[in-house]
Amino acid sequence: MSTSVGTAYGPPDPLQLAAWQRQLAGAVPAAVLAWAVEVFAGRLVLGSALGAEDQVLVQMIASAELSIPVFTLDTGRLFPECHDLMAQTEARYGIRIQVFCPEAAAVEALVAEHGPTVFRQSVALRQRCCAVRKLQPLRRALAGKAAWVCGLRGTQSVTRAEVQVVEWDGANGLYRICPLAHWTEADVWSYIRTQQVPYNPLHDRGYPSLGCACCTRPIVAGEGVRAGRWWWEAPEHKECGLHLRVGAAGAVTLARRSGPGASVSE
């Protein structure tokens, strides 16, 4: 039986969080999702970047008829295939994906000051572009929520190795549920094939990691999965800030998806 978190959230009770982690150790993703619905009733969402893992989670939610709304962030510069996949997913599962877009005034001000290719001018300006187009909409999407479901996996990179099925997202001030934390890339694609889950065709065209079209290119043999993201920058800068990890001491690090088999959209 789950323990309700009531109506007050965070900072988390470490004993409660540890108890949840023990409770969910070895649980299959579908069971984790059902648990999350019970514990965070009415204040739970799935944040989908339309990546392979996200599509798996949408299928699990829809097939079990779980009450978990789905949202995505439309930066205004997505690949057309992302919009096509969104429509296909909605039609397939009979759902409506809530879309959060950047504030028009913020985008206009950024472009007016720095031009349409602001993201190419410096790392700092590219991060500012990401903040306007991604982070600010994310804050709106998570407002008033107690927890959000993500498609993070521990084998996506060394910095994801410690991802827990349930953990505290200190950067956003709510719980993060990662039902696929212990899945491998092979698990994801096996599920997609057996359940006939719709996925982005760009994954088959050399795009293991998807972002804005202007900031993403296909990779070539031997390159890391994130080599096509902001390819003009050094590897250590290749993050948009969606997955900040805040440690117990308040230290902030970026959780990179840089390992093999990280089919992602952030």
Foldseek 3Di string as FASTA:
>chain_A
DDDAPPQDADPDDVVNQVVVLVVCVPPALLVLLVNCCVRFPPQEEAEDLQWLLSLLVLVSCLVVVGPHAAEYFDLVQFDVLSVVLQVVSCVVRVHHYHYFFFDPVLVVVLCVVQNPVQLLPDLVSVLVSLCRGPVVSVLVVNPPHAEYEYQQELQLDVLSVPPTQWDAQVVNRHIYGHNRHHPDLVRSVVSCVVVVGDGRCVCVVQQLEAEGPVQADGDDPPAWNCCRGNVVDDPLSRDNPPRWHQDPVRDTDHRDRTHPNRRYYD
